Amino acid sequence: TPALGKGGYDLLGIDPRAPSGPLFRRVTLEEL
């Protein structure tokens, strides 16, 4: 996610243990 974001893509990375920050959400796929 960070590298693709730096490449100009509009990113959302999800994981219950995802980092903090605007590109991420701490959720499962089911919860998304």
All heavy atoms as atom14 arrays in JSON, in Angstrom:
{
  "sequence": "TPALGKGGYDLLGIDPRAPSGPLFRRVTLEEL",
  "atom14_mask": [
    [1, 1, 1, 1, 1, 1, 1, 0, 0, 0, 0, 0, 0, 0],
    [1, 1, 1, 1, 1, 1, 1, 0, 0, 0, 0, 0, 0, 0],
    [1, 1, 1, 1, 1, 0, 0, 0, 0, 0, 0, 0, 0, 0],
    [1, 1, 1, 1, 1, 1, 1, 1, 0, 0, 0, 0, 0, 0],
    [1, 1, 1, 1, 0, 0, 0, 0, 0, 0, 0, 0, 0, 0],
    [1, 1, 1, 1, 1, 1, 1, 1, 1, 0, 0, 0, 0, 0],
    [1, 1, 1, 1, 0, 0, 0, 0, 0, 0, 0, 0, 0, 0],
    [1, 1, 1, 1, 0, 0, 0, 0, 0, 0, 0, 0, 0, 0],
    [1, 1, 1, 1, 1, 1, 1, 1, 1, 1, 1, 1, 0, 0],
    [1, 1, 1, 1, 1, 1, 1, 1, 0, 0, 0, 0, 0, 0],
    [1, 1, 1, 1, 1, 1, 1, 1, 0, 0, 0, 0, 0, 0],
    [1, 1, 1, 1, 1, 1, 1, 1, 0, 0, 0, 0, 0, 0],
    [1, 1, 1, 1, 0, 0, 0, 0, 0, 0, 0, 0, 0, 0],
    [1, 1, 1, 1, 1, 1, 1, 1, 0, 0, 0, 0, 0, 0],
    [1, 1, 1, 1, 1, 1, 1, 1, 0, 0, 0, 0, 0, 0],
    [1, 1, 1, 1, 1, 1, 1, 0, 0, 0, 0, 0, 0, 0],
    [1, 1, 1, 1, 1, 1, 1, 1, 1, 1, 1, 0, 0, 0],
    [1, 1, 1, 1, 1, 0, 0, 0, 0, 0, 0, 0, 0, 0],
    [1, 1, 1, 1, 1, 1, 1, 0, 0, 0, 0, 0, 0, 0],
    [1, 1, 1, 1, 1, 1, 0, 0, 0, 0, 0, 0, 0, 0],
    [1, 1, 1, 1, 0, 0, 0, 0, 0, 0, 0, 0, 0, 0],
    [1, 1, 1, 1, 1, 1, 1, 0, 0, 0, 0, 0, 0, 0],
    [1, 1, 1, 1, 1, 1, 1, 1, 0, 0, 0, 0, 0, 0],
    [1, 1, 1, 1, 1, 1, 1, 1, 1, 1, 1, 0, 0, 0],
    [1, 1, 1, 1, 1, 1, 1, 1, 1, 1, 1, 0, 0, 0],
    [1, 1, 1, 1, 1, 1, 1, 1, 1, 1, 1, 0, 0, 0],
    [1, 1, 1, 1, 1, 1, 1, 0, 0, 0, 0, 0, 0, 0],
    [1, 1, 1, 1, 1, 1, 1, 0, 0, 0, 0, 0, 0, 0],
    [1, 1, 1, 1, 1, 1, 1, 1, 0, 0, 0, 0, 0, 0],
    [1, 1, 1, 1, 1, 1, 1, 1, 1, 0, 0, 0, 0, 0],
    [1, 1, 1, 1, 1, 1, 1, 1, 1, 0, 0, 0, 0, 0],
    [1, 1, 1, 1, 1, 1, 1, 1, 0, 0, 0, 0, 0, 0]
  ],
  "atom14_positions": [
    [[0.8, -1.22, 0.0], [0.0, 0.0, 0.0], [0.84, 1.28, 0.0], [0.59, 2.18, -0.82], [-0.99, -0.01, 1.19], [-1.98, -1.03, 0.93], [-1.69, 1.31, 1.37], [0.0, 0.0, 0.0], [0.0, 0.0, 0.0], [0.0, 0.0, 0.0], [0.0, 0.0, 0.0], [0.0, 0.0, 0.0], [0.0, 0.0, 0.0], [0.0, 0.0, 0.0]],
    [[1.84, 1.43, 0.88], [2.61, 2.69, 0.87], [3.3, 2.95, -0.47], [3.28, 4.09, -0.97], [3.62, 2.5, 2.0], [2.99, 1.5, 2.9], [2.26, 0.56, 1.99], [0.0, 0.0, 0.0], [0.0, 0.0, 0.0], [0.0, 0.0, 0.0], [0.0, 0.0, 0.0], [0.0, 0.0, 0.0], [0.0, 0.0, 0.0], [0.0, 0.0, 0.0]],
    [[3.9, 1.92, -1.05], [4.63, 2.11, -2.3], [3.69, 2.47, -3.44], [4.0, 3.34, -4.26], [5.43, 0.85, -2.65], [0.0, 0.0, 0.0], [0.0, 0.0, 0.0], [0.0, 0.0, 0.0], [0.0, 0.0, 0.0], [0.0, 0.0, 0.0], [0.0, 0.0, 0.0], [0.0, 0.0, 0.0], [0.0, 0.0, 0.0], [0.0, 0.0, 0.0]],
    [[2.54, 1.8, -3.51], [1.58, 2.14, -4.56], [1.01, 3.54, -4.36], [0.77, 4.27, -5.32], [0.44, 1.12, -4.59], [0.8, -0.28, -5.11], [-0.39, -1.22, -4.98], [1.27, -0.23, -6.56], [0.0, 0.0, 0.0], [0.0, 0.0, 0.0], [0.0, 0.0, 0.0], [0.0, 0.0, 0.0], [0.0, 0.0, 0.0], [0.0, 0.0, 0.0]],
    [[0.83, 3.92, -3.1], [0.38, 5.29, -2.82], [1.38, 6.32, -3.3], [1.0, 7.34, -3.89], [0.0, 0.0, 0.0], [0.0, 0.0, 0.0], [0.0, 0.0, 0.0], [0.0, 0.0, 0.0], [0.0, 0.0, 0.0], [0.0, 0.0, 0.0], [0.0, 0.0, 0.0], [0.0, 0.0, 0.0], [0.0, 0.0, 0.0], [0.0, 0.0, 0.0]],
    [[2.66, 6.03, -3.08], [3.69, 6.95, -3.56], [3.73, 7.0, -5.08], [4.18, 7.99, -5.67], [5.06, 6.53, -3.02], [5.23, 6.77, -1.52], [6.59, 6.29, -1.04], [6.74, 6.49, 0.47], [8.03, 5.95, 0.98], [0.0, 0.0, 0.0], [0.0, 0.0, 0.0], [0.0, 0.0, 0.0], [0.0, 0.0, 0.0], [0.0, 0.0, 0.0]],
    [[3.27, 5.93, -5.71], [3.24, 5.88, -7.17], [2.03, 6.56, -7.78], [1.84, 6.51, -8.99], [0.0, 0.0, 0.0], [0.0, 0.0, 0.0], [0.0, 0.0, 0.0], [0.0, 0.0, 0.0], [0.0, 0.0, 0.0], [0.0, 0.0, 0.0], [0.0, 0.0, 0.0], [0.0, 0.0, 0.0], [0.0, 0.0, 0.0], [0.0, 0.0, 0.0]],
    [[1.21, 7.18, -6.94], [0.09, 7.95, -7.45], [-1.24, 7.23, -7.42], [-2.27, 7.8, -7.83], [0.0, 0.0, 0.0], [0.0, 0.0, 0.0], [0.0, 0.0, 0.0], [0.0, 0.0, 0.0], [0.0, 0.0, 0.0], [0.0, 0.0, 0.0], [0.0, 0.0, 0.0], [0.0, 0.0, 0.0], [0.0, 0.0, 0.0], [0.0, 0.0, 0.0]],
    [[-1.27, 5.98, -6.94], [-2.53, 5.25, -6.85], [-3.32, 5.71, -5.62], [-2.75, 6.18, -4.62], [-2.27, 3.75, -6.78], [-1.84, 3.17, -8.1], [-0.49, 3.05, -8.42], [-2.78, 2.77, -9.04], [-0.08, 2.53, -9.65], [-2.39, 2.26, -10.27], [-1.05, 2.14, -10.57], [-0.66, 1.65, -11.79], [0.0, 0.0, 0.0], [0.0, 0.0, 0.0]],
    [[-4.63, 5.54, -5.71], [-5.53, 5.86, -4.6], [-5.71, 4.57, -3.81], [-6.4, 3.65, -4.25], [-6.86, 6.36, -5.17], [-7.87, 6.72, -4.1], [-7.53, 6.66, -2.91], [-9.02, 7.05, -4.46], [0.0, 0.0, 0.0], [0.0, 0.0, 0.0], [0.0, 0.0, 0.0], [0.0, 0.0, 0.0], [0.0, 0.0, 0.0], [0.0, 0.0, 0.0]],
    [[-5.09, 4.47, -2.64], [-4.97, 3.21, -1.92], [-5.8, 3.14, -0.66], [-5.95, 4.14, 0.06], [-3.5, 3.0, -1.5], [-2.67, 2.05, -2.36], [-3.19, 0.62, -2.29], [-2.62, 2.52, -3.79], [0.0, 0.0, 0.0], [0.0, 0.0, 0.0], [0.0, 0.0, 0.0], [0.0, 0.0, 0.0], [0.0, 0.0, 0.0], [0.0, 0.0, 0.0]],
    [[-6.29, 1.93, -0.39], [-6.84, 1.58, 0.91], [-6.3, 0.21, 1.27], [-6.52, -0.77, 0.55], [-8.37, 1.55, 0.89], [-9.04, 1.08, 2.19], [-8.67, 2.01, 3.36], [-10.55, 0.98, 2.03], [0.0, 0.0, 0.0], [0.0, 0.0, 0.0], [0.0, 0.0, 0.0], [0.0, 0.0, 0.0], [0.0, 0.0, 0.0], [0.0, 0.0, 0.0]],
    [[-5.55, 0.13, 2.38], [-5.05, -1.14, 2.89], [-5.81, -1.5, 4.15], [-5.93, -0.68, 5.06], [0.0, 0.0, 0.0], [0.0, 0.0, 0.0], [0.0, 0.0, 0.0], [0.0, 0.0, 0.0], [0.0, 0.0, 0.0], [0.0, 0.0, 0.0], [0.0, 0.0, 0.0], [0.0, 0.0, 0.0], [0.0, 0.0, 0.0], [0.0, 0.0, 0.0]],
    [[-6.32, -2.74, 4.2], [-7.08, -3.15, 5.38], [-6.45, -4.37, 6.03], [-5.92, -5.26, 5.36], [-8.56, -3.43, 5.05], [-8.72, -4.62, 4.09], [-9.24, -2.19, 4.48], [-10.14, -5.13, 3.95], [0.0, 0.0, 0.0], [0.0, 0.0, 0.0], [0.0, 0.0, 0.0], [0.0, 0.0, 0.0], [0.0, 0.0, 0.0], [0.0, 0.0, 0.0]],
    [[-6.53, -4.39, 7.35], [-6.03, -5.51, 8.15], [-6.34, -5.16, 9.61], [-6.23, -3.99, 9.98], [-4.5, -5.66, 7.97], [-3.98, -6.97, 8.55], [-3.96, -7.1, 9.79], [-3.59, -7.85, 7.79], [0.0, 0.0, 0.0], [0.0, 0.0, 0.0], [0.0, 0.0, 0.0], [0.0, 0.0, 0.0], [0.0, 0.0, 0.0], [0.0, 0.0, 0.0]],
    [[-6.71, -6.13, 10.43], [-6.92, -5.82, 11.85], [-5.67, -5.25, 12.53], [-5.79, -4.56, 13.54], [-7.3, -7.18, 12.45], [-7.91, -7.93, 11.31], [-7.11, -7.51, 10.09], [0.0, 0.0, 0.0], [0.0, 0.0, 0.0], [0.0, 0.0, 0.0], [0.0, 0.0, 0.0], [0.0, 0.0, 0.0], [0.0, 0.0, 0.0], [0.0, 0.0, 0.0]],
    [[-4.5, -5.52, 11.95], [-3.24, -5.0, 12.52], [-2.6, -3.96, 11.6], [-1.39, -3.72, 11.67], [-2.26, -6.14, 12.74], [-2.78, -7.25, 13.66], [-1.78, -8.38, 13.76], [-1.55, -8.98, 12.44], [-0.39, -9.49, 12.03], [0.67, -9.44, 12.82], [-0.28, -10.01, 10.82], [0.0, 0.0, 0.0], [0.0, 0.0, 0.0], [0.0, 0.0, 0.0]],
    [[-3.38, -3.32, 10.75], [-2.84, -2.34, 9.8], [-2.17, -1.18, 10.53], [-2.53, -0.85, 11.67], [-3.96, -1.81, 8.92], [0.0, 0.0, 0.0], [0.0, 0.0, 0.0], [0.0, 0.0, 0.0], [0.0, 0.0, 0.0], [0.0, 0.0, 0.0], [0.0, 0.0, 0.0], [0.0, 0.0, 0.0], [0.0, 0.0, 0.0], [0.0, 0.0, 0.0]],
    [[-1.19, -0.53, 9.9], [-0.6, 0.66, 10.5], [-1.64, 1.78, 10.61], [-2.71, 1.72, 10.0], [0.49, 1.06, 9.49], [0.68, -0.12, 8.61], [-0.61, -0.85, 8.58], [0.0, 0.0, 0.0], [0.0, 0.0, 0.0], [0.0, 0.0, 0.0], [0.0, 0.0, 0.0], [0.0, 0.0, 0.0], [0.0, 0.0, 0.0], [0.0, 0.0, 0.0]],
    [[-1.32, 2.77, 11.41], [-2.17, 3.95, 11.45], [-1.87, 4.83, 10.24], [-0.83, 4.69, 9.6], [-1.93, 4.73, 12.74], [-0.57, 5.12, 12.83], [0.0, 0.0, 0.0], [0.0, 0.0, 0.0], [0.0, 0.0, 0.0], [0.0, 0.0, 0.0], [0.0, 0.0, 0.0], [0.0, 0.0, 0.0], [0.0, 0.0, 0.0], [0.0, 0.0, 0.0]],
    [[-2.8, 5.7, 9.89], [-2.58, 6.61, 8.78], [-3.74, 6.62, 7.82], [-4.6, 5.72, 7.84], [0.0, 0.0, 0.0], [0.0, 0.0, 0.0], [0.0, 0.0, 0.0], [0.0, 0.0, 0.0], [0.0, 0.0, 0.0], [0.0, 0.0, 0.0], [0.0, 0.0, 0.0], [0.0, 0.0, 0.0], [0.0, 0.0, 0.0], [0.0, 0.0, 0.0]],
    [[-3.78, 7.6, 6.93], [-4.93, 7.79, 6.05], [-5.1, 6.7, 4.98], [-6.18, 6.58, 4.41], [-4.65, 9.15, 5.39], [-3.16, 9.32, 5.48], [-2.77, 8.67, 6.78], [0.0, 0.0, 0.0], [0.0, 0.0, 0.0], [0.0, 0.0, 0.0], [0.0, 0.0, 0.0], [0.0, 0.0, 0.0], [0.0, 0.0, 0.0], [0.0, 0.0, 0.0]],
    [[-4.05, 5.92, 4.71], [-4.15, 4.88, 3.69], [-4.71, 3.57, 4.24], [-4.94, 2.63, 3.47], [-2.78, 4.59, 3.07], [-2.07, 5.74, 2.36], [-0.76, 5.25, 1.76], [-2.96, 6.34, 1.28], [0.0, 0.0, 0.0], [0.0, 0.0, 0.0], [0.0, 0.0, 0.0], [0.0, 0.0, 0.0], [0.0, 0.0, 0.0], [0.0, 0.0, 0.0]],
    [[-4.93, 3.49, 5.55], [-5.22, 2.21, 6.19], [-6.48, 2.26, 7.04], [-6.86, 3.3, 7.57], [-4.05, 1.8, 7.08], [-2.75, 1.65, 6.35], [-1.8, 2.66, 6.41], [-2.48, 0.53, 5.6], [-0.6, 2.54, 5.73], [-1.29, 0.4, 4.91], [-0.35, 1.41, 4.99], [0.0, 0.0, 0.0], [0.0, 0.0, 0.0], [0.0, 0.0, 0.0]],
    [[-7.11, 1.07, 7.16], [-8.19, 0.88, 8.11], [-7.99, -0.45, 8.82], [-7.67, -1.46, 8.17], [-9.56, 0.89, 7.42], [-9.97, 2.28, 6.95], [-11.37, 2.26, 6.35], [-12.37, 1.82, 7.34], [-13.63, 1.52, 7.03], [-14.05, 1.61, 5.79], [-14.47, 1.13, 7.97], [0.0, 0.0, 0.0], [0.0, 0.0, 0.0], [0.0, 0.0, 0.0]],
    [[-8.19, -0.46, 10.13], [-8.03, -1.68, 10.92], [-9.35, -2.44, 10.97], [-10.06, -2.43, 11.97], [-7.52, -1.33, 12.31], [-6.08, -0.87, 12.3], [-5.57, -0.49, 13.65], [-4.17, -0.1, 13.58], [-3.55, 0.66, 14.47], [-4.23, 1.12, 15.52], [-2.29, 0.98, 14.31], [0.0, 0.0, 0.0], [0.0, 0.0, 0.0], [0.0, 0.0, 0.0]],
    [[-9.66, -3.1, 9.85], [-10.87, -3.9, 9.74], [-10.55, -5.17, 8.95], [-9.55, -5.24, 8.23], [-12.01, -3.13, 9.01], [-12.46, -1.94, 9.81], [-11.59, -2.73, 7.6], [0.0, 0.0, 0.0], [0.0, 0.0, 0.0], [0.0, 0.0, 0.0], [0.0, 0.0, 0.0], [0.0, 0.0, 0.0], [0.0, 0.0, 0.0], [0.0, 0.0, 0.0]],
    [[-11.41, -6.17, 9.09], [-11.35, -7.36, 8.25], [-12.1, -7.08, 6.95], [-12.85, -6.11, 6.84], [-11.98, -8.57, 8.95], [-13.38, -8.31, 9.13], [-11.33, -8.83, 10.3], [0.0, 0.0, 0.0], [0.0, 0.0, 0.0], [0.0, 0.0, 0.0], [0.0, 0.0, 0.0], [0.0, 0.0, 0.0], [0.0, 0.0, 0.0], [0.0, 0.0, 0.0]],
    [[-11.94, -7.99, 5.99], [-12.71, -7.87, 4.75], [-14.2, -7.92, 5.05], [-14.99, -7.17, 4.49], [-12.32, -8.98, 3.78], [-13.14, -9.05, 2.48], [-13.0, -7.78, 1.67], [-12.72, -10.27, 1.66], [0.0, 0.0, 0.0], [0.0, 0.0, 0.0], [0.0, 0.0, 0.0], [0.0, 0.0, 0.0], [0.0, 0.0, 0.0], [0.0, 0.0, 0.0]],
    [[-14.59, -8.8, 5.95], [-16.01, -8.93, 6.31], [-16.54, -7.63, 6.89], [-17.69, -7.25, 6.65], [-16.19, -10.07, 7.31], [-17.63, -10.37, 7.66], [-17.75, -11.55, 8.61], [-16.75, -11.87, 9.3], [-18.83, -12.14, 8.66], [0.0, 0.0, 0.0], [0.0, 0.0, 0.0], [0.0, 0.0, 0.0], [0.0, 0.0, 0.0], [0.0, 0.0, 0.0]],
    [[-15.72, -6.92, 7.67], [-16.15, -5.68, 8.32], [-16.12, -4.47, 7.39], [-16.73, -3.45, 7.7], [-15.26, -5.39, 9.53], [-15.38, -6.42, 10.65], [-14.25, -6.31, 11.67], [-13.19, -5.71, 11.33], [-14.41, -6.85, 12.77], [0.0, 0.0, 0.0], [0.0, 0.0, 0.0], [0.0, 0.0, 0.0], [0.0, 0.0, 0.0], [0.0, 0.0, 0.0]],
    [[-15.4, -4.57, 6.29], [-15.23, -3.42, 5.4], [-16.57, -2.95, 4.85], [-17.31, -3.73, 4.25], [-14.29, -3.79, 4.25], [-14.03, -2.69, 3.22], [-13.26, -1.53, 3.83], [-13.29, -3.26, 2.01], [0.0, 0.0, 0.0], [0.0, 0.0, 0.0], [0.0, 0.0, 0.0], [0.0, 0.0, 0.0], [0.0, 0.0, 0.0], [0.0, 0.0, 0.0]]
  ]
}
